[in-house]
Amino acid sequence: MKGIAEKQLNLITKRIMECNPANDSLFGGELAKSLFFYYRYETSGEEQYADLAVEKLRFVLEAFNNNEARLMGPYYCNGISGLLYILILYIKKELIADTLKEDIALLANQLLETALLGIEEDFN
């Protein structure tokens, strides 16, 4: 049974590696791929998956820093909150250095500003 499950997991991993998401979200985007690879690393201990998880995160961070991120507002699954979640998780698990605290502060500030704008638009 273990061989069948492992074969299926490898097939899923291959498909995820090959897909090209339409956004960067935690729900089906680049951050979702990152989180998948993170948990694949956590369960297998294979460093290649940790590297892939960080690579996907860096891709999204670079896009975010260049105002090209495909995130939708402050929301958890589709927005900046999902990016913050991944950053904090990877720092806690020592997958990335905590030197990204400045990035986290910047994201948190942008998240708050975006949320406030959204609330203002909802009530006008």
C-alpha atoms as a PDB file:
ATOM      1  CA  MET A   1       0.000   0.000   0.000  1.00  0.00           C
ATOM      2  CA  LYS A   2       2.834   2.418   0.824  1.00  0.00           C
ATOM      3  CA  GLY A   3       4.238   2.021  -2.696  1.00  0.00           C
ATOM      4  CA  ILE A   4       0.917   2.986  -4.273  1.00  0.00           C
ATOM      5  CA  ALA A   5       0.514   6.053  -2.039  1.00  0.00           C
ATOM      6  CA  GLU A   6       4.086   7.150  -2.703  1.00  0.00           C
ATOM      7  CA  LYS A   7       3.611   6.723  -6.442  1.00  0.00           C
ATOM      8  CA  GLN A   8       0.448   8.859  -6.327  1.00  0.00           C
ATOM      9  CA  LEU A   9       2.139  11.527  -4.206  1.00  0.00           C
ATOM     10  CA  ASN A  10       5.009  11.681  -6.692  1.00  0.00           C
ATOM     11  CA  LEU A  11       2.503  12.078  -9.529  1.00  0.00           C
ATOM     12  CA  ILE A  12       0.719  14.897  -7.658  1.00  0.00           C
ATOM     13  CA  THR A  13       4.072  16.561  -6.952  1.00  0.00           C
ATOM     14  CA  LYS A  14       5.042  16.350 -10.620  1.00  0.00           C
ATOM     15  CA  ARG A  15       1.745  17.927 -11.696  1.00  0.00           C
ATOM     16  CA  ILE A  16       2.109  20.721  -9.156  1.00  0.00           C
ATOM     17  CA  MET A  17       5.645  21.401 -10.344  1.00  0.00           C
ATOM     18  CA  GLU A  18       4.434  21.632 -13.941  1.00  0.00           C
ATOM     19  CA  CYS A  19       1.392  23.831 -13.351  1.00  0.00           C
ATOM     20  CA  ASN A  20       1.526  27.552 -13.954  1.00  0.00           C
ATOM     21  CA  PRO A  21      -0.963  29.252 -11.593  1.00  0.00           C
ATOM     22  CA  ALA A  22      -2.865  32.314 -12.701  1.00  0.00           C
ATOM     23  CA  ASN A  23      -2.126  34.094  -9.408  1.00  0.00           C
ATOM     24  CA  ASP A  24       0.138  34.074  -6.359  1.00  0.00           C
ATOM     25  CA  SER A  25      -2.510  33.205  -3.781  1.00  0.00           C
ATOM     26  CA  LEU A  26      -2.439  30.671  -0.984  1.00  0.00           C
ATOM     27  CA  PHE A  27      -5.527  29.165  -2.588  1.00  0.00           C
ATOM     28  CA  GLY A  28      -4.307  27.609  -5.814  1.00  0.00           C
ATOM     29  CA  GLY A  29      -1.495  30.025  -6.672  1.00  0.00           C
ATOM     30  CA  GLU A  30       2.264  30.194  -6.221  1.00  0.00           C
ATOM     31  CA  LEU A  31       1.921  30.362  -2.416  1.00  0.00           C
ATOM     32  CA  ALA A  32      -0.180  27.191  -2.507  1.00  0.00           C
ATOM     33  CA  LYS A  33       2.625  25.484  -4.405  1.00  0.00           C
ATOM     34  CA  SER A  34       5.094  26.772  -1.841  1.00  0.00           C
ATOM     35  CA  LEU A  35       3.014  25.424   1.042  1.00  0.00           C
ATOM     36  CA  PHE A  36       2.633  22.045  -0.687  1.00  0.00           C
ATOM     37  CA  PHE A  37       6.398  21.764  -1.109  1.00  0.00           C
ATOM     38  CA  TYR A  38       6.903  22.824   2.507  1.00  0.00           C
ATOM     39  CA  TYR A  39       4.672  20.044   3.796  1.00  0.00           C
ATOM     40  CA  ARG A  40       6.248  17.584   1.400  1.00  0.00           C
ATOM     41  CA  TYR A  41       9.595  18.538   2.990  1.00  0.00           C
ATOM     42  CA  GLU A  42       8.160  18.271   6.509  1.00  0.00           C
ATOM     43  CA  THR A  43       6.866  14.754   5.868  1.00  0.00           C
ATOM     44  CA  SER A  44       9.798  13.432   3.854  1.00  0.00           C
ATOM     45  CA  GLY A  45      12.789  15.388   5.148  1.00  0.00           C
ATOM     46  CA  GLU A  46      13.959  15.784   1.544  1.00  0.00           C
ATOM     47  CA  GLU A  47      15.765  19.131   1.230  1.00  0.00           C
ATOM     48  CA  GLN A  48      14.791  19.546  -2.423  1.00  0.00           C
ATOM     49  CA  TYR A  49      11.229  20.283  -1.299  1.00  0.00           C
ATOM     50  CA  ALA A  50      12.381  22.883   1.223  1.00  0.00           C
ATOM     51  CA  ASP A  51      14.323  24.542  -1.580  1.00  0.00           C
ATOM     52  CA  LEU A  52      11.264  24.520  -3.839  1.00  0.00           C
ATOM     53  CA  ALA A  53       9.089  25.978  -1.064  1.00  0.00           C
ATOM     54  CA  VAL A  54      11.508  28.866  -0.537  1.00  0.00           C
ATOM     55  CA  GLU A  55      11.952  29.368  -4.287  1.00  0.00           C
ATOM     56  CA  LYS A  56       8.198  29.848  -4.752  1.00  0.00           C
ATOM     57  CA  LEU A  57       8.071  32.244  -1.791  1.00  0.00           C
ATOM     58  CA  ARG A  58      10.949  34.295  -3.190  1.00  0.00           C
ATOM     59  CA  PHE A  59       9.168  34.463  -6.552  1.00  0.00           C
ATOM     60  CA  VAL A  60       6.089  35.972  -4.889  1.00  0.00           C
ATOM     61  CA  LEU A  61       8.158  38.321  -2.694  1.00  0.00           C
ATOM     62  CA  GLU A  62      10.058  39.598  -5.708  1.00  0.00           C
ATOM     63  CA  ALA A  63       6.809  40.230  -7.560  1.00  0.00           C
ATOM     64  CA  PHE A  64       5.384  41.923  -4.468  1.00  0.00           C
ATOM     65  CA  ASN A  65       8.429  44.182  -4.119  1.00  0.00           C
ATOM     66  CA  ASN A  66       8.078  45.140  -7.799  1.00  0.00           C
ATOM     67  CA  ASN A  67       4.323  45.832  -7.412  1.00  0.00           C
ATOM     68  CA  GLU A  68       3.625  42.866  -9.698  1.00  0.00           C
ATOM     69  CA  ALA A  69       2.220  40.422  -7.146  1.00  0.00           C
ATOM     70  CA  ARG A  70      -0.927  38.650  -8.209  1.00  0.00           C
ATOM     71  CA  LEU A  71      -2.561  38.883  -4.786  1.00  0.00           C
ATOM     72  CA  MET A  72      -6.063  40.186  -4.236  1.00  0.00           C
ATOM     73  CA  GLY A  73      -6.244  42.565  -1.301  1.00  0.00           C
ATOM     74  CA  PRO A  74      -5.735  41.786   2.366  1.00  0.00           C
ATOM     75  CA  TYR A  75      -7.495  38.432   2.333  1.00  0.00           C
ATOM     76  CA  TYR A  76      -6.085  35.225   3.756  1.00  0.00           C
ATOM     77  CA  CYS A  77      -6.345  32.777   0.881  1.00  0.00           C
ATOM     78  CA  ASN A  78      -6.110  35.188  -2.028  1.00  0.00           C
ATOM     79  CA  GLY A  79      -4.206  38.111  -0.596  1.00  0.00           C
ATOM     80  CA  ILE A  80      -1.444  39.538   1.478  1.00  0.00           C
ATOM     81  CA  SER A  81      -2.465  37.720   4.674  1.00  0.00           C
ATOM     82  CA  GLY A  82      -1.585  34.421   3.006  1.00  0.00           C
ATOM     83  CA  LEU A  83       1.856  35.761   2.142  1.00  0.00           C
ATOM     84  CA  LEU A  84       2.348  36.887   5.741  1.00  0.00           C
ATOM     85  CA  TYR A  85       1.285  33.449   6.970  1.00  0.00           C
ATOM     86  CA  ILE A  86       3.883  31.713   4.785  1.00  0.00           C
ATOM     87  CA  LEU A  87       6.627  34.136   5.830  1.00  0.00           C
ATOM     88  CA  ILE A  88       5.926  33.676   9.532  1.00  0.00           C
ATOM     89  CA  LEU A  89       5.620  29.876   9.212  1.00  0.00           C
ATOM     90  CA  TYR A  90       8.923  29.547   7.361  1.00  0.00           C
ATOM     91  CA  ILE A  91      10.718  31.797   9.843  1.00  0.00           C
ATOM     92  CA  LYS A  92       9.339  29.788  12.798  1.00  0.00           C
ATOM     93  CA  LYS A  93      10.419  26.545  11.143  1.00  0.00           C
ATOM     94  CA  GLU A  94      13.813  28.109  10.302  1.00  0.00           C
ATOM     95  CA  LEU A  95      13.324  27.531   6.608  1.00  0.00           C
ATOM     96  CA  ILE A  96      14.239  31.166   5.993  1.00  0.00           C
ATOM     97  CA  ALA A  97      16.247  33.604   8.061  1.00  0.00           C
ATOM     98  CA  ASP A  98      14.456  35.990  10.365  1.00  0.00           C
ATOM     99  CA  THR A  99      16.206  38.834   8.567  1.00  0.00           C
ATOM    100  CA  LEU A 100      12.951  39.212   6.657  1.00  0.00           C
ATOM    101  CA  LYS A 101      11.372  41.002   9.614  1.00  0.00           C
ATOM    102  CA  GLU A 102      11.474  44.250   7.637  1.00  0.00           C
ATOM    103  CA  ASP A 103       9.561  42.584   4.790  1.00  0.00           C
ATOM    104  CA  ILE A 104       7.002  41.306   7.283  1.00  0.00           C
ATOM    105  CA  ALA A 105       6.564  44.786   8.759  1.00  0.00           C
ATOM    106  CA  LEU A 106       6.132  46.229   5.254  1.00  0.00           C
ATOM    107  CA  LEU A 107       3.560  43.567   4.383  1.00  0.00           C
ATOM    108  CA  ALA A 108       1.694  44.055   7.645  1.00  0.00           C
ATOM    109  CA  ASN A 109       1.532  47.795   7.015  1.00  0.00           C
ATOM    110  CA  GLN A 110       0.309  47.301   3.457  1.00  0.00           C
ATOM    111  CA  LEU A 111      -2.195  44.720   4.672  1.00  0.00           C
ATOM    112  CA  LEU A 112      -3.628  47.209   7.151  1.00  0.00           C
ATOM    113  CA  GLU A 113      -3.800  49.991   4.562  1.00  0.00           C
ATOM    114  CA  THR A 114      -5.479  47.685   2.031  1.00  0.00           C
ATOM    115  CA  ALA A 115      -7.970  46.445   4.614  1.00  0.00           C
ATOM    116  CA  LEU A 116      -8.862  49.987   5.637  1.00  0.00           C
ATOM    117  CA  LEU A 117      -9.383  51.002   2.001  1.00  0.00           C
ATOM    118  CA  GLY A 118     -11.590  47.966   1.469  1.00  0.00           C
ATOM    119  CA  ILE A 119     -13.691  48.798   4.511  1.00  0.00           C
ATOM    120  CA  GLU A 120     -14.017  52.397   3.377  1.00  0.00           C
ATOM    121  CA  GLU A 121     -15.134  51.285  -0.112  1.00  0.00           C
ATOM    122  CA  ASP A 122     -17.668  48.854   1.380  1.00  0.00           C
ATOM    123  CA  PHE A 123     -19.338  51.631   3.352  1.00  0.00           C
ATOM    124  CA  ASN A 124     -19.389  54.294   0.642  1.00  0.00           C
END
